[in-house]
Amino acid sequence: MTEVRVRPHYKDGQPDGLAISRIKAGSFFSKLGLRDGDVVQEINGSGIKSPDDILNLYQQLKSGSEVGLQIDRKGRQETINYKFR
């Protein structure tokens, strides 16, 4: 992925989602509404805790018509809903 940097995020030593950074302007991730520093914790209600969840996330983004992301943005929980066109 050249449009974004994604790395595992941990809280209190436990997996807590994916940290997003280096989002390129105009990229798919930018259009989703993600910002540098966001931590994606769930997609469509499913938690992200392992590398398998990352692959699942990619498949859902690739094939879905709608996606709901639960994120941690600067310590606040937010939901991003996006409809593919």
N, C-alpha and C. Protein backbone atom coordinates (compact mmCIF):
# COMPACT_ATOMS: atom_id res chain seq x y z
N MET A 1 0.84 -1.18 0.00
CA MET A 1 0.00 0.00 0.00
C MET A 1 0.88 1.24 0.00
N THR A 2 0.79 2.01 -1.05
CA THR A 2 1.60 3.21 -1.15
C THR A 2 0.84 4.46 -0.75
N GLU A 3 -0.46 4.34 -0.49
CA GLU A 3 -1.29 5.49 -0.15
C GLU A 3 -1.36 5.77 1.34
N VAL A 4 -0.89 4.81 2.15
CA VAL A 4 -1.05 4.92 3.60
C VAL A 4 -0.06 3.98 4.29
N ARG A 5 0.26 4.31 5.53
CA ARG A 5 1.06 3.40 6.36
C ARG A 5 0.13 2.84 7.42
N VAL A 6 0.09 1.52 7.54
CA VAL A 6 -0.77 0.84 8.50
C VAL A 6 0.11 -0.04 9.38
N ARG A 7 -0.05 0.09 10.69
CA ARG A 7 0.72 -0.75 11.60
C ARG A 7 -0.14 -1.15 12.79
N PRO A 8 0.17 -2.29 13.41
CA PRO A 8 -0.62 -2.72 14.57
C PRO A 8 -0.54 -1.69 15.70
N HIS A 9 -1.62 -1.54 16.43
CA HIS A 9 -1.68 -0.63 17.57
C HIS A 9 -1.98 -1.45 18.82
N TYR A 10 -1.29 -1.15 19.91
CA TYR A 10 -1.48 -1.87 21.18
C TYR A 10 -1.87 -0.89 22.28
N LYS A 11 -2.74 -1.36 23.17
CA LYS A 11 -3.13 -0.58 24.34
C LYS A 11 -3.02 -1.52 25.54
N ASP A 12 -2.25 -1.11 26.53
CA ASP A 12 -2.01 -1.93 27.71
C ASP A 12 -1.49 -3.31 27.35
N GLY A 13 -0.64 -3.37 26.31
CA GLY A 13 -0.01 -4.62 25.89
C GLY A 13 -0.89 -5.54 25.06
N GLN A 14 -2.13 -5.11 24.76
CA GLN A 14 -3.06 -5.93 23.99
C GLN A 14 -3.33 -5.29 22.63
N PRO A 15 -3.54 -6.12 21.58
CA PRO A 15 -3.87 -5.57 20.26
C PRO A 15 -5.13 -4.70 20.35
N ASP A 16 -5.08 -3.52 19.73
CA ASP A 16 -6.20 -2.59 19.82
C ASP A 16 -6.51 -1.94 18.47
N GLY A 17 -6.23 -2.63 17.38
CA GLY A 17 -6.57 -2.10 16.07
C GLY A 17 -5.36 -1.78 15.23
N LEU A 18 -5.59 -0.96 14.21
CA LEU A 18 -4.55 -0.57 13.26
C LEU A 18 -4.35 0.93 13.28
N ALA A 19 -3.12 1.36 13.50
CA ALA A 19 -2.80 2.78 13.49
C ALA A 19 -2.55 3.21 12.04
N ILE A 20 -3.15 4.32 11.66
CA ILE A 20 -3.08 4.83 10.30
C ILE A 20 -2.23 6.10 10.28
N SER A 21 -1.30 6.17 9.33
CA SER A 21 -0.48 7.39 9.19
C SER A 21 -0.04 7.53 7.74
N ARG A 22 0.53 8.69 7.46
CA ARG A 22 1.05 9.01 6.12
C ARG A 22 0.00 8.81 5.01
N ILE A 23 -1.20 9.29 5.29
CA ILE A 23 -2.28 9.18 4.30
C ILE A 23 -2.04 10.21 3.20
N LYS A 24 -1.97 9.74 1.98
CA LYS A 24 -1.76 10.66 0.85
C LYS A 24 -3.06 11.38 0.51
N ALA A 25 -2.95 12.66 0.21
CA ALA A 25 -4.11 13.47 -0.18
C ALA A 25 -4.76 12.85 -1.43
N GLY A 26 -6.07 12.78 -1.42
CA GLY A 26 -6.81 12.25 -2.56
C GLY A 26 -6.86 10.73 -2.63
N SER A 27 -6.23 10.05 -1.67
CA SER A 27 -6.22 8.59 -1.67
C SER A 27 -7.57 8.05 -1.20
N PHE A 28 -7.75 6.76 -1.40
CA PHE A 28 -8.95 6.08 -0.95
C PHE A 28 -9.15 6.28 0.55
N PHE A 29 -8.08 6.19 1.32
CA PHE A 29 -8.16 6.32 2.77
C PHE A 29 -8.55 7.74 3.18
N SER A 30 -8.09 8.71 2.43
CA SER A 30 -8.47 10.10 2.67
C SER A 30 -9.96 10.29 2.39
N LYS A 31 -10.44 9.67 1.31
CA LYS A 31 -11.85 9.77 0.95
C LYS A 31 -12.75 9.08 1.97
N LEU A 32 -12.23 8.05 2.64
CA LEU A 32 -12.99 7.39 3.70
C LEU A 32 -13.20 8.32 4.89
N GLY A 33 -12.35 9.33 5.01
CA GLY A 33 -12.44 10.26 6.13
C GLY A 33 -11.42 9.98 7.22
N LEU A 34 -10.49 9.06 6.95
CA LEU A 34 -9.46 8.76 7.94
C LEU A 34 -8.42 9.87 7.98
N ARG A 35 -7.82 10.05 9.14
CA ARG A 35 -6.78 11.07 9.33
C ARG A 35 -5.55 10.41 9.94
N ASP A 36 -4.39 11.02 9.71
CA ASP A 36 -3.16 10.53 10.33
C ASP A 36 -3.37 10.44 11.84
N GLY A 37 -2.97 9.32 12.41
CA GLY A 37 -3.10 9.12 13.85
C GLY A 37 -4.35 8.36 14.27
N ASP A 38 -5.31 8.18 13.36
CA ASP A 38 -6.50 7.40 13.69
C ASP A 38 -6.10 5.94 13.94
N VAL A 39 -6.85 5.29 14.83
CA VAL A 39 -6.68 3.86 15.07
C VAL A 39 -8.00 3.19 14.70
N VAL A 40 -7.98 2.37 13.64
CA VAL A 40 -9.17 1.64 13.22
C VAL A 40 -9.30 0.42 14.11
N GLN A 41 -10.41 0.35 14.87
CA GLN A 41 -10.59 -0.73 15.83
C GLN A 41 -11.60 -1.78 15.37
N GLU A 42 -12.55 -1.37 14.54
CA GLU A 42 -13.56 -2.30 14.03
C GLU A 42 -13.95 -1.93 12.62
N ILE A 43 -14.32 -2.94 11.86
CA ILE A 43 -14.93 -2.71 10.56
C ILE A 43 -16.21 -3.53 10.50
N ASN A 44 -17.30 -2.84 10.22
CA ASN A 44 -18.62 -3.47 10.18
C ASN A 44 -18.89 -4.31 11.42
N GLY A 45 -18.49 -3.80 12.59
CA GLY A 45 -18.77 -4.47 13.85
C GLY A 45 -17.80 -5.55 14.25
N SER A 46 -16.82 -5.86 13.40
CA SER A 46 -15.83 -6.90 13.72
C SER A 46 -14.54 -6.25 14.17
N GLY A 47 -14.05 -6.67 15.34
CA GLY A 47 -12.81 -6.12 15.89
C GLY A 47 -11.60 -6.50 15.07
N ILE A 48 -10.57 -5.66 15.13
CA ILE A 48 -9.31 -5.90 14.43
C ILE A 48 -8.25 -6.15 15.50
N LYS A 49 -7.80 -7.38 15.60
CA LYS A 49 -6.84 -7.76 16.64
C LYS A 49 -5.64 -8.53 16.11
N SER A 50 -5.72 -9.05 14.87
CA SER A 50 -4.65 -9.91 14.37
C SER A 50 -4.39 -9.65 12.89
N PRO A 51 -3.29 -10.19 12.36
CA PRO A 51 -3.01 -10.05 10.92
C PRO A 51 -4.13 -10.60 10.04
N ASP A 52 -4.80 -11.67 10.50
CA ASP A 52 -5.93 -12.21 9.73
C ASP A 52 -7.05 -11.19 9.62
N ASP A 53 -7.26 -10.42 10.67
CA ASP A 53 -8.28 -9.39 10.64
C ASP A 53 -7.94 -8.30 9.63
N ILE A 54 -6.64 -8.04 9.46
CA ILE A 54 -6.20 -7.06 8.48
C ILE A 54 -6.57 -7.52 7.07
N LEU A 55 -6.33 -8.79 6.78
CA LEU A 55 -6.69 -9.34 5.47
C LEU A 55 -8.20 -9.29 5.26
N ASN A 56 -8.94 -9.59 6.31
CA ASN A 56 -10.40 -9.50 6.26
C ASN A 56 -10.85 -8.08 5.95
N LEU A 57 -10.23 -7.11 6.61
CA LEU A 57 -10.52 -5.70 6.39
C LEU A 57 -10.33 -5.35 4.92
N TYR A 58 -9.21 -5.76 4.36
CA TYR A 58 -8.91 -5.45 2.97
C TYR A 58 -9.96 -6.05 2.04
N GLN A 59 -10.35 -7.29 2.28
CA GLN A 59 -11.36 -7.94 1.43
C GLN A 59 -12.70 -7.22 1.53
N GLN A 60 -13.09 -6.81 2.74
CA GLN A 60 -14.36 -6.11 2.90
C GLN A 60 -14.33 -4.76 2.21
N LEU A 61 -13.22 -4.06 2.32
CA LEU A 61 -13.10 -2.76 1.65
C LEU A 61 -13.16 -2.93 0.14
N LYS A 62 -12.55 -4.00 -0.35
CA LYS A 62 -12.46 -4.24 -1.77
C LYS A 62 -13.82 -4.61 -2.37
N SER A 63 -14.63 -5.36 -1.61
CA SER A 63 -15.85 -5.91 -2.19
C SER A 63 -17.14 -5.28 -1.65
N GLY A 64 -17.04 -4.46 -0.64
CA GLY A 64 -18.24 -3.93 -0.01
C GLY A 64 -18.84 -2.74 -0.72
N SER A 65 -20.15 -2.55 -0.50
CA SER A 65 -20.80 -1.37 -1.04
C SER A 65 -20.95 -0.31 0.06
N GLU A 66 -20.87 -0.77 1.31
CA GLU A 66 -20.90 0.13 2.46
C GLU A 66 -19.93 -0.39 3.51
N VAL A 67 -19.35 0.52 4.26
CA VAL A 67 -18.44 0.12 5.32
C VAL A 67 -18.62 1.04 6.51
N GLY A 68 -18.59 0.45 7.69
CA GLY A 68 -18.64 1.22 8.93
C GLY A 68 -17.37 0.97 9.72
N LEU A 69 -16.63 2.02 9.99
CA LEU A 69 -15.38 1.90 10.73
C LEU A 69 -15.53 2.52 12.10
N GLN A 70 -15.15 1.79 13.13
CA GLN A 70 -15.08 2.33 14.48
C GLN A 70 -13.63 2.72 14.71
N ILE A 71 -13.40 3.98 15.02
CA ILE A 71 -12.03 4.46 15.18
C ILE A 71 -11.83 5.16 16.51
N ASP A 72 -10.59 5.22 16.90
CA ASP A 72 -10.17 6.04 18.04
C ASP A 72 -9.40 7.21 17.43
N ARG A 73 -9.94 8.40 17.62
CA ARG A 73 -9.30 9.61 17.10
C ARG A 73 -8.95 10.51 18.27
N LYS A 74 -7.67 10.55 18.58
CA LYS A 74 -7.17 11.37 19.69
C LYS A 74 -7.91 11.09 21.00
N GLY A 75 -8.15 9.79 21.26
CA GLY A 75 -8.78 9.40 22.51
C GLY A 75 -10.30 9.39 22.51
N ARG A 76 -10.91 9.79 21.40
CA ARG A 76 -12.38 9.78 21.30
C ARG A 76 -12.81 8.69 20.33
N GLN A 77 -13.88 7.98 20.68
CA GLN A 77 -14.44 6.97 19.80
C GLN A 77 -15.33 7.65 18.75
N GLU A 78 -15.12 7.29 17.49
CA GLU A 78 -15.94 7.84 16.40
C GLU A 78 -16.28 6.73 15.43
N THR A 79 -17.35 6.93 14.69
CA THR A 79 -17.75 5.98 13.65
C THR A 79 -17.72 6.71 12.31
N ILE A 80 -17.14 6.05 11.33
CA ILE A 80 -17.11 6.57 9.97
C ILE A 80 -17.90 5.61 9.11
N ASN A 81 -18.94 6.10 8.45
CA ASN A 81 -19.71 5.29 7.52
C ASN A 81 -19.43 5.79 6.11
N TYR A 82 -19.16 4.86 5.22
CA TYR A 82 -18.82 5.23 3.84
C TYR A 82 -19.59 4.31 2.90
N LYS A 83 -20.18 4.92 1.87
CA LYS A 83 -20.91 4.15 0.86
C LYS A 83 -20.16 4.25 -0.45
N PHE A 84 -19.77 3.12 -1.00
CA PHE A 84 -19.06 3.08 -2.28
C PHE A 84 -20.01 3.43 -3.41
N ARG A 85 -19.49 4.15 -4.39
CA ARG A 85 -20.34 4.54 -5.53
C ARG A 85 -19.80 3.97 -6.80
